[in-house]
PDB file of N, CA and C in Angstrom:
ATOM      1  N   UNK A   1      -2.356  12.615  35.347  1.00  0.00           N
ATOM      2  CA  UNK A   1      -1.071  12.390  35.941  1.00  0.00           C
ATOM      3  C   UNK A   1      -0.015  12.666  34.872  1.00  0.00           C
ATOM      4  N   UNK A   2       0.972  13.479  35.225  1.00  0.00           N
ATOM      5  CA  UNK A   2       2.068  13.780  34.304  1.00  0.00           C
ATOM      6  C   UNK A   2       3.116  12.681  34.394  1.00  0.00           C
ATOM      7  N   UNK A   3       3.710  12.339  33.254  1.00  0.00           N
ATOM      8  CA  UNK A   3       4.736  11.299  33.222  1.00  0.00           C
ATOM      9  C   UNK A   3       5.633  11.533  32.014  1.00  0.00           C
ATOM     10  N   UNK A   4       6.743  10.834  31.986  1.00  0.00           N
ATOM     11  CA  UNK A   4       7.632  10.808  30.827  1.00  0.00           C
ATOM     12  C   UNK A   4       7.573   9.395  30.273  1.00  0.00           C
ATOM     13  N   UNK A   5       7.291   9.279  28.983  1.00  0.00           N
ATOM     14  CA  UNK A   5       7.158   7.948  28.408  1.00  0.00           C
ATOM     15  C   UNK A   5       7.470   7.930  26.931  1.00  0.00           C
ATOM     16  N   UNK A   6       7.251   6.766  26.347  1.00  0.00           N
ATOM     17  CA  UNK A   6       7.480   6.593  24.913  1.00  0.00           C
ATOM     18  C   UNK A   6       6.527   5.522  24.391  1.00  0.00           C
ATOM     19  N   UNK A   7       6.314   5.543  23.078  1.00  0.00           N
ATOM     20  CA  UNK A   7       5.498   4.523  22.421  1.00  0.00           C
ATOM     21  C   UNK A   7       6.327   3.634  21.508  1.00  0.00           C
ATOM     22  N   UNK A   8       7.456   4.133  21.048  1.00  0.00           N
ATOM     23  CA  UNK A   8       8.349   3.385  20.169  1.00  0.00           C
ATOM     24  C   UNK A   8       9.782   3.638  20.613  1.00  0.00           C
ATOM     25  N   UNK A   9      10.586   2.588  20.788  1.00  0.00           N
ATOM     26  CA  UNK A   9      11.995   2.815  21.129  1.00  0.00           C
ATOM     27  C   UNK A   9      12.710   3.514  19.969  1.00  0.00           C
ATOM     28  N   UNK A  10      13.158   4.718  20.207  1.00  0.00           N
ATOM     29  CA  UNK A  10      13.857   5.507  19.190  1.00  0.00           C
ATOM     30  C   UNK A  10      15.222   5.920  19.736  1.00  0.00           C
ATOM     31  N   UNK A  11      16.158   6.272  18.870  1.00  0.00           N
ATOM     32  CA  UNK A  11      17.433   6.797  19.368  1.00  0.00           C
ATOM     33  C   UNK A  11      17.170   8.010  20.263  1.00  0.00           C
ATOM     34  N   UNK A  12      17.930   8.133  21.335  1.00  0.00           N
ATOM     35  CA  UNK A  12      17.689   9.205  22.297  1.00  0.00           C
ATOM     36  C   UNK A  12      17.822  10.587  21.661  1.00  0.00           C
ATOM     37  N   UNK A  13      18.548  10.702  20.544  1.00  0.00           N
ATOM     38  CA  UNK A  13      18.694  11.983  19.853  1.00  0.00           C
ATOM     39  C   UNK A  13      17.400  12.419  19.172  1.00  0.00           C
ATOM     40  N   UNK A  14      16.483  11.488  18.931  1.00  0.00           N
ATOM     41  CA  UNK A  14      15.216  11.794  18.278  1.00  0.00           C
ATOM     42  C   UNK A  14      14.329  12.572  19.252  1.00  0.00           C
ATOM     43  N   UNK A  15      13.766  13.719  18.844  1.00  0.00           N
ATOM     44  CA  UNK A  15      12.924  14.505  19.747  1.00  0.00           C
ATOM     45  C   UNK A  15      11.712  13.741  20.289  1.00  0.00           C
ATOM     46  N   UNK A  16      11.265  12.710  19.590  1.00  0.00           N
ATOM     47  CA  UNK A  16      10.104  11.935  20.042  1.00  0.00           C
ATOM     48  C   UNK A  16      10.497  10.729  20.896  1.00  0.00           C
ATOM     49  N   UNK A  17      11.791  10.589  21.213  1.00  0.00           N
ATOM     50  CA  UNK A  17      12.221   9.401  21.964  1.00  0.00           C
ATOM     51  C   UNK A  17      11.645   9.377  23.371  1.00  0.00           C
ATOM     52  N   UNK A  18      11.500  10.518  24.001  1.00  0.00           N
ATOM     53  CA  UNK A  18      10.848  10.652  25.306  1.00  0.00           C
ATOM     54  C   UNK A  18       9.889  11.822  25.214  1.00  0.00           C
ATOM     55  N   UNK A  19       8.683  11.637  25.748  1.00  0.00           N
ATOM     56  CA  UNK A  19       7.683  12.688  25.653  1.00  0.00           C
ATOM     57  C   UNK A  19       7.018  12.909  27.000  1.00  0.00           C
ATOM     58  N   UNK A  20       6.683  14.172  27.286  1.00  0.00           N
ATOM     59  CA  UNK A  20       5.857  14.488  28.447  1.00  0.00           C
ATOM     60  C   UNK A  20       4.427  14.126  28.082  1.00  0.00           C
ATOM     61  N   UNK A  21       3.778  13.335  28.930  1.00  0.00           N
ATOM     62  CA  UNK A  21       2.427  12.860  28.622  1.00  0.00           C
ATOM     63  C   UNK A  21       1.517  13.023  29.836  1.00  0.00           C
ATOM     64  N   UNK A  22       0.224  13.016  29.583  1.00  0.00           N
ATOM     65  CA  UNK A  22      -0.792  13.010  30.637  1.00  0.00           C
ATOM     66  C   UNK A  22      -1.495  11.666  30.602  1.00  0.00           C
ATOM     67  N   UNK A  23      -1.556  11.004  31.743  1.00  0.00           N
ATOM     68  CA  UNK A  23      -2.222   9.710  31.868  1.00  0.00           C
ATOM     69  C   UNK A  23      -3.293   9.788  32.939  1.00  0.00           C
ATOM     70  N   UNK A  24      -4.219   8.863  32.883  1.00  0.00           N
ATOM     71  CA  UNK A  24      -5.241   8.795  33.918  1.00  0.00           C
ATOM     72  C   UNK A  24      -4.585   8.446  35.254  1.00  0.00           C
ATOM     73  N   UNK A  25      -5.009   9.131  36.305  1.00  0.00           N
ATOM     74  CA  UNK A  25      -4.463   8.875  37.638  1.00  0.00           C
ATOM     75  C   UNK A  25      -4.872   7.477  38.091  1.00  0.00           C
ATOM     76  N   UNK A  26      -3.900   6.633  38.460  1.00  0.00           N
ATOM     77  CA  UNK A  26      -4.243   5.267  38.880  1.00  0.00           C
ATOM     78  C   UNK A  26      -4.924   5.244  40.249  1.00  0.00           C
ATOM     79  N   UNK A  27      -5.719   4.215  40.471  1.00  0.00           N
ATOM     80  CA  UNK A  27      -6.368   3.988  41.766  1.00  0.00           C
ATOM     81  C   UNK A  27      -5.655   2.808  42.413  1.00  0.00           C
ATOM     82  N   UNK A  28      -5.050   3.012  43.596  1.00  0.00           N
ATOM     83  CA  UNK A  28      -4.327   1.907  44.220  1.00  0.00           C
ATOM     84  C   UNK A  28      -5.269   0.797  44.674  1.00  0.00           C
ATOM     85  N   UNK A  29      -4.835  -0.438  44.465  1.00  0.00           N
ATOM     86  CA  UNK A  29      -5.597  -1.619  44.888  1.00  0.00           C
ATOM     87  C   UNK A  29      -4.684  -2.478  45.753  1.00  0.00           C
ATOM     88  N   UNK A  30      -5.263  -3.348  46.548  1.00  0.00           N
ATOM     89  CA  UNK A  30      -4.465  -4.274  47.346  1.00  0.00           C
ATOM     90  C   UNK A  30      -3.466  -3.552  48.220  1.00  0.00           C
ATOM     91  N   UNK A  31      -2.193  -3.883  48.044  1.00  0.00           N
ATOM     92  CA  UNK A  31      -1.117  -3.269  48.837  1.00  0.00           C
ATOM     93  C   UNK A  31      -0.401  -2.147  48.089  1.00  0.00           C
ATOM     94  N   UNK A  32      -1.045  -1.592  47.056  1.00  0.00           N
ATOM     95  CA  UNK A  32      -0.445  -0.520  46.258  1.00  0.00           C
ATOM     96  C   UNK A  32      -0.430   0.799  47.016  1.00  0.00           C
ATOM     97  N   UNK A  33       0.560   1.620  46.683  1.00  0.00           N
ATOM     98  CA  UNK A  33       0.642   2.995  47.154  1.00  0.00           C
ATOM     99  C   UNK A  33       0.616   3.909  45.939  1.00  0.00           C
ATOM    100  N   UNK A  34      -0.102   5.010  46.029  1.00  0.00           N
ATOM    101  CA  UNK A  34      -0.039   6.046  44.999  1.00  0.00           C
ATOM    102  C   UNK A  34       0.830   7.159  45.561  1.00  0.00           C
ATOM    103  N   UNK A  35       1.929   7.447  44.863  1.00  0.00           N
ATOM    104  CA  UNK A  35       2.930   8.385  45.359  1.00  0.00           C
ATOM    105  C   UNK A  35       2.999   9.597  44.440  1.00  0.00           C
ATOM    106  N   UNK A  36       2.883  10.785  45.027  1.00  0.00           N
ATOM    107  CA  UNK A  36       3.138  12.017  44.283  1.00  0.00           C
ATOM    108  C   UNK A  36       4.652  12.167  44.210  1.00  0.00           C
ATOM    109  N   UNK A  37       5.187  12.069  43.022  1.00  0.00           N
ATOM    110  CA  UNK A  37       6.633  12.033  42.837  1.00  0.00           C
ATOM    111  C   UNK A  37       7.222  13.430  43.012  1.00  0.00           C
ATOM    112  N   UNK A  38       8.263  13.490  43.817  1.00  0.00           N
ATOM    113  CA  UNK A  38       9.001  14.737  44.029  1.00  0.00           C
ATOM    114  C   UNK A  38      10.354  14.707  43.327  1.00  0.00           C
ATOM    115  N   UNK A  39      10.925  13.504  43.158  1.00  0.00           N
ATOM    116  CA  UNK A  39      12.219  13.362  42.475  1.00  0.00           C
ATOM    117  C   UNK A  39      12.299  11.978  41.854  1.00  0.00           C
ATOM    118  N   UNK A  40      12.937  11.901  40.700  1.00  0.00           N
ATOM    119  CA  UNK A  40      13.133  10.628  40.012  1.00  0.00           C
ATOM    120  C   UNK A  40      14.538  10.631  39.414  1.00  0.00           C
ATOM    121  N   UNK A  41      15.124   9.462  39.331  1.00  0.00           N
ATOM    122  CA  UNK A  41      16.449   9.374  38.716  1.00  0.00           C
ATOM    123  C   UNK A  41      16.369   8.489  37.480  1.00  0.00           C
ATOM    124  N   UNK A  42      17.346   8.643  36.626  1.00  0.00           N
ATOM    125  CA  UNK A  42      17.478   7.754  35.478  1.00  0.00           C
ATOM    126  C   UNK A  42      18.551   6.739  35.848  1.00  0.00           C
ATOM    127  N   UNK A  43      18.177   5.469  35.843  1.00  0.00           N
ATOM    128  CA  UNK A  43      19.166   4.447  36.163  1.00  0.00           C
ATOM    129  C   UNK A  43      19.344   3.534  34.954  1.00  0.00           C
ATOM    130  N   UNK A  44      20.301   2.621  34.983  1.00  0.00           N
ATOM    131  CA  UNK A  44      20.546   1.762  33.824  1.00  0.00           C
ATOM    132  C   UNK A  44      19.326   0.965  33.371  1.00  0.00           C
ATOM    133  N   UNK A  45      18.442   0.605  34.296  1.00  0.00           N
ATOM    134  CA  UNK A  45      17.232  -0.128  33.901  1.00  0.00           C
ATOM    135  C   UNK A  45      16.390   0.722  32.959  1.00  0.00           C
ATOM    136  N   UNK A  46      16.229   2.007  33.275  1.00  0.00           N
ATOM    137  CA  UNK A  46      15.449   2.897  32.404  1.00  0.00           C
ATOM    138  C   UNK A  46      16.016   2.920  30.991  1.00  0.00           C
ATOM    139  N   UNK A  47      17.313   3.055  30.863  1.00  0.00           N
ATOM    140  CA  UNK A  47      17.903   3.146  29.528  1.00  0.00           C
ATOM    141  C   UNK A  47      17.793   1.832  28.766  1.00  0.00           C
ATOM    142  N   UNK A  48      17.953   0.717  29.453  1.00  0.00           N
ATOM    143  CA  UNK A  48      17.836  -0.588  28.787  1.00  0.00           C
ATOM    144  C   UNK A  48      16.399  -0.876  28.371  1.00  0.00           C
ATOM    145  N   UNK A  49      15.436  -0.565  29.232  1.00  0.00           N
ATOM    146  CA  UNK A  49      14.026  -0.779  28.892  1.00  0.00           C
ATOM    147  C   UNK A  49      13.646   0.094  27.707  1.00  0.00           C
ATOM    148  N   UNK A  50      14.035   1.357  27.726  1.00  0.00           N
ATOM    149  CA  UNK A  50      13.664   2.271  26.648  1.00  0.00           C
ATOM    150  C   UNK A  50      14.221   1.817  25.306  1.00  0.00           C
ATOM    151  N   UNK A  51      15.387   1.226  25.307  1.00  0.00           N
ATOM    152  CA  UNK A  51      15.994   0.772  24.048  1.00  0.00           C
ATOM    153  C   UNK A  51      15.336  -0.474  23.482  1.00  0.00           C
ATOM    154  N   UNK A  52      14.727  -1.303  24.335  1.00  0.00           N
ATOM    155  CA  UNK A  52      14.325  -2.625  23.843  1.00  0.00           C
ATOM    156  C   UNK A  52      12.858  -3.001  24.028  1.00  0.00           C
ATOM    157  N   UNK A  53      12.129  -2.336  24.874  1.00  0.00           N
ATOM    158  CA  UNK A  53      10.745  -2.750  25.153  1.00  0.00           C
ATOM    159  C   UNK A  53       9.760  -1.869  24.394  1.00  0.00           C
ATOM    160  N   UNK A  54       8.995  -2.474  23.507  1.00  0.00           N
ATOM    161  CA  UNK A  54       7.970  -1.754  22.752  1.00  0.00           C
ATOM    162  C   UNK A  54       6.624  -1.974  23.426  1.00  0.00           C
ATOM    163  N   UNK A  55       5.946  -0.893  23.831  1.00  0.00           N
ATOM    164  CA  UNK A  55       4.625  -1.051  24.445  1.00  0.00           C
ATOM    165  C   UNK A  55       3.629  -1.652  23.459  1.00  0.00           C
ATOM    166  N   UNK A  56       2.626  -2.316  23.990  1.00  0.00           N
ATOM    167  CA  UNK A  56       1.593  -2.928  23.150  1.00  0.00           C
ATOM    168  C   UNK A  56       0.706  -1.868  22.527  1.00  0.00           C
ATOM    169  N   UNK A  57       0.346  -2.075  21.270  1.00  0.00           N
ATOM    170  CA  UNK A  57      -0.657  -1.329  20.529  1.00  0.00           C
ATOM    171  C   UNK A  57      -0.943   0.101  20.923  1.00  0.00           C
ATOM    172  N   UNK A  58       0.003   0.998  20.745  1.00  0.00           N
ATOM    173  CA  UNK A  58      -0.243   2.409  20.986  1.00  0.00           C
ATOM    174  C   UNK A  58      -0.230   2.836  22.441  1.00  0.00           C
ATOM    175  N   UNK A  59       0.077   1.930  23.342  1.00  0.00           N
ATOM    176  CA  UNK A  59       0.159   2.281  24.760  1.00  0.00           C
ATOM    177  C   UNK A  59       1.461   3.033  25.027  1.00  0.00           C
ATOM    178  N   UNK A  60       1.509   3.685  26.165  1.00  0.00           N
ATOM    179  CA  UNK A  60       2.718   4.379  26.594  1.00  0.00           C
ATOM    180  C   UNK A  60       3.488   3.510  27.570  1.00  0.00           C
ATOM    181  N   UNK A  61       4.804   3.568  27.498  1.00  0.00           N
ATOM    182  CA  UNK A  61       5.671   2.952  28.504  1.00  0.00           C
ATOM    183  C   UNK A  61       6.240   4.103  29.322  1.00  0.00           C
ATOM    184  N   UNK A  62       5.991   4.080  30.620  1.00  0.00           N
ATOM    185  CA  UNK A  62       6.454   5.143  31.512  1.00  0.00           C
ATOM    186  C   UNK A  62       7.771   4.724  32.140  1.00  0.00           C
ATOM    187  N   UNK A  63       8.716   5.633  32.147  1.00  0.00           N
ATOM    188  CA  UNK A  63      10.013   5.373  32.753  1.00  0.00           C
ATOM    189  C   UNK A  63      10.070   5.984  34.149  1.00  0.00           C
ATOM    190  N   UNK A  64      11.079   5.596  34.913  1.00  0.00           N
ATOM    191  CA  UNK A  64      11.269   6.138  36.256  1.00  0.00           C
ATOM    192  C   UNK A  64      11.231   5.037  37.286  1.00  0.00           C
ATOM    193  N   UNK A  65      12.261   4.219  37.333  1.00  0.00           N
ATOM    194  CA  UNK A  65      12.275   3.071  38.246  1.00  0.00           C
ATOM    195  C   UNK A  65      12.620   3.462  39.664  1.00  0.00           C
ATOM    196  N   UNK A  66      13.388   4.518  39.846  1.00  0.00           N
ATOM    197  CA  UNK A  66      13.769   4.964  41.183  1.00  0.00           C
ATOM    198  C   UNK A  66      13.143   6.330  41.419  1.00  0.00           C
ATOM    199  N   UNK A  67      12.422   6.472  42.525  1.00  0.00           N
ATOM    200  CA  UNK A  67      11.726   7.732  42.765  1.00  0.00           C
ATOM    201  C   UNK A  67      11.543   7.973  44.258  1.00  0.00           C
ATOM    202  N   UNK A  68      11.244   9.221  44.576  1.00  0.00           N
ATOM    203  CA  UNK A  68      10.931   9.612  45.952  1.00  0.00           C
ATOM    204  C   UNK A  68       9.741  10.555  45.908  1.00  0.00           C
ATOM    205  N   UNK A  69       8.896  10.482  46.930  1.00  0.00           N
ATOM    206  CA  UNK A  69       7.737  11.350  46.962  1.00  0.00           C
ATOM    207  C   UNK A  69       6.917  11.165  48.218  1.00  0.00           C
ATOM    208  N   UNK A  70       5.655  11.567  48.129  1.00  0.00           N
ATOM    209  CA  UNK A  70       4.738  11.551  49.266  1.00  0.00           C
ATOM    210  C   UNK A  70       3.521  10.702  48.909  1.00  0.00           C
ATOM    211  N   UNK A  71       3.115   9.830  49.809  1.00  0.00           N
ATOM    212  CA  UNK A  71       1.943   8.979  49.579  1.00  0.00           C
ATOM    213  C   UNK A  71       0.685   9.843  49.581  1.00  0.00           C
ATOM    214  N   UNK A  72      -0.130   9.704  48.512  1.00  0.00           N
ATOM    215  CA  UNK A  72      -1.385  10.452  48.412  1.00  0.00           C
ATOM    216  C   UNK A  72      -2.608   9.545  48.494  1.00  0.00           C
ATOM    217  N   UNK A  73      -2.422   8.236  48.346  1.00  0.00           N
ATOM    218  CA  UNK A  73      -3.530   7.278  48.479  1.00  0.00           C
ATOM    219  C   UNK A  73      -2.933   5.893  48.702  1.00  0.00           C
ATOM    220  N   UNK A  74      -3.712   5.034  49.348  1.00  0.00           N
ATOM    221  CA  UNK A  74      -3.264   3.663  49.605  1.00  0.00           C
ATOM    222  C   UNK A  74      -4.353   2.677  49.212  1.00  0.00           C
ATOM    223  N   UNK A  75      -3.927   1.473  48.858  1.00  0.00           N
ATOM    224  CA  UNK A  75      -4.871   0.394  48.613  1.00  0.00           C
ATOM    225  C   UNK A  75      -5.460  -0.083  49.937  1.00  0.00           C
ATOM    226  N   UNK A  76      -6.555  -0.823  49.892  1.00  0.00           N
ATOM    227  CA  UNK A  76      -7.254  -1.238  51.112  1.00  0.00           C
ATOM    228  C   UNK A  76      -6.468  -2.197  52.000  1.00  0.00           C
ATOM    229  N   UNK A  77      -5.453  -2.854  51.468  1.00  0.00           N
ATOM    230  CA  UNK A  77      -4.695  -3.821  52.266  1.00  0.00           C
ATOM    231  C   UNK A  77      -3.396  -3.252  52.835  1.00  0.00           C
ATOM    232  N   UNK A  78      -3.162  -1.967  52.681  1.00  0.00           N
ATOM    233  CA  UNK A  78      -1.939  -1.336  53.189  1.00  0.00           C
ATOM    234  C   UNK A  78      -2.072  -1.128  54.693  1.00  0.00           C
ATOM    235  N   UNK A  79      -1.047  -1.556  55.442  1.00  0.00           N
ATOM    236  CA  UNK A  79      -1.090  -1.406  56.901  1.00  0.00           C
ATOM    237  C   UNK A  79       0.088  -0.615  57.464  1.00  0.00           C
ATOM    238  N   UNK A  80       1.214  -0.584  56.795  1.00  0.00           N
ATOM    239  CA  UNK A  80       2.412   0.026  57.369  1.00  0.00           C
ATOM    240  C   UNK A  80       2.731   1.421  56.835  1.00  0.00           C
ATOM    241  N   UNK A  81       1.897   1.942  55.949  1.00  0.00           N
ATOM    242  CA  UNK A  81       2.113   3.269  55.382  1.00  0.00           C
ATOM    243  C   UNK A  81       0.831   4.075  55.503  1.00  0.00           C
ATOM    244  N   UNK A  82       0.992   5.416  55.544  1.00  0.00           N
ATOM    245  CA  UNK A  82      -0.161   6.311  55.646  1.00  0.00           C
ATOM    246  C   UNK A  82      -0.033   7.440  54.634  1.00  0.00           C
ATOM    247  N   UNK A  83      -1.161   8.024  54.280  1.00  0.00           N
ATOM    248  CA  UNK A  83      -1.156   9.203  53.420  1.00  0.00           C
ATOM    249  C   UNK A  83      -0.310  10.272  54.105  1.00  0.00           C
ATOM    250  N   UNK A  84       0.554  10.900  53.325  1.00  0.00           N
ATOM    251  CA  UNK A  84       1.450  11.925  53.854  1.00  0.00           C
ATOM    252  C   UNK A  84       2.849  11.421  54.165  1.00  0.00           C
ATOM    253  N   UNK A  85       3.031  10.095  54.247  1.00  0.00           N
ATOM    254  CA  UNK A  85       4.369   9.541  54.487  1.00  0.00           C
ATOM    255  C   UNK A  85       5.279   9.853  53.300  1.00  0.00           C
ATOM    256  N   UNK A  86       6.519  10.220  53.606  1.00  0.00           N
ATOM    257  CA  UNK A  86       7.522  10.403  52.564  1.00  0.00           C
ATOM    258  C   UNK A  86       8.200   9.065  52.323  1.00  0.00           C
ATOM    259  N   UNK A  87       8.317   8.669  51.055  1.00  0.00           N
ATOM    260  CA  UNK A  87       8.865   7.355  50.713  1.00  0.00           C
ATOM    261  C   UNK A  87       9.818   7.462  49.524  1.00  0.00           C
ATOM    262  N   UNK A  88      10.640   6.443  49.369  1.00  0.00           N
ATOM    263  CA  UNK A  88      11.425   6.270  48.148  1.00  0.00           C
ATOM    264  C   UNK A  88      11.282   4.815  47.744  1.00  0.00           C
ATOM    265  N   UNK A  89      11.468   4.540  46.474  1.00  0.00           N
ATOM    266  CA  UNK A  89      11.329   3.155  46.026  1.00  0.00           C
ATOM    267  C   UNK A  89      12.140   2.901  44.767  1.00  0.00           C
ATOM    268  N   UNK A  90      12.388   1.623  44.549  1.00  0.00           N
ATOM    269  CA  UNK A  90      12.969   1.130  43.305  1.00  0.00           C
ATOM    270  C   UNK A  90      11.903   0.269  42.647  1.00  0.00           C
ATOM    271  N   UNK A  91      11.662   0.482  41.377  1.00  0.00           N
ATOM    272  CA  UNK A  91      10.601  -0.216  40.669  1.00  0.00           C
ATOM    273  C   UNK A  91      10.866  -1.696  40.472  1.00  0.00           C
ATOM    274  N   UNK A  92       9.861  -2.367  39.931  1.00  0.00           N
ATOM    275  CA  UNK A  92       9.940  -3.796  39.630  1.00  0.00           C
ATOM    276  C   UNK A  92       9.554  -4.008  38.168  1.00  0.00           C
ATOM    277  N   UNK A  93      10.309  -4.837  37.472  1.00  0.00           N
ATOM    278  CA  UNK A  93      10.029  -5.082  36.056  1.00  0.00           C
ATOM    279  C   UNK A  93       8.713  -5.799  35.831  1.00  0.00           C
ATOM    280  N   UNK A  94       8.212  -6.515  36.842  1.00  0.00           N
ATOM    281  CA  UNK A  94       6.987  -7.292  36.674  1.00  0.00           C
ATOM    282  C   UNK A  94       5.736  -6.568  37.152  1.00  0.00           C
ATOM    283  N   UNK A  95       5.840  -5.261  37.406  1.00  0.00           N
ATOM    284  CA  UNK A  95       4.675  -4.513  37.888  1.00  0.00           C
ATOM    285  C   UNK A  95       4.614  -3.163  37.193  1.00  0.00           C
ATOM    286  N   UNK A  96       3.415  -2.678  36.962  1.00  0.00           N
ATOM    287  CA  UNK A  96       3.217  -1.348  36.397  1.00  0.00           C
ATOM    288  C   UNK A  96       3.130  -0.382  37.566  1.00  0.00           C
ATOM    289  N   UNK A  97       4.290   0.117  37.994  1.00  0.00           N
ATOM    290  CA  UNK A  97       4.281   0.942  39.190  1.00  0.00           C
ATOM    291  C   UNK A  97       4.775   2.351  38.955  1.00  0.00           C
ATOM    292  N   UNK A  98       5.234   2.661  37.748  1.00  0.00           N
ATOM    293  CA  UNK A  98       5.757   3.993  37.508  1.00  0.00           C
ATOM    294  C   UNK A  98       4.631   4.977  37.391  1.00  0.00           C
TER     295      UNK A  98
END
């Protein structure tokens, strides 16, 4: 899965402040949706998180709190969405959903 992330909060002028990365494709559980992202925006939450949140021990922090795309997989408890549905969402600080 392609994403934009960082490992250390750096000034945005630093070439390593944001990097294109490849991550393992997540498997949705419970009421999770896996969305193929078609568009993402940068909002104030992204900039504040990037400046202050350091990921644990070499992990990546993925940005992109607001996004739109198409559902490609659902968790077993999903009832109101189907694969192929077009969706948009705003992220949550307490969940790894980017």
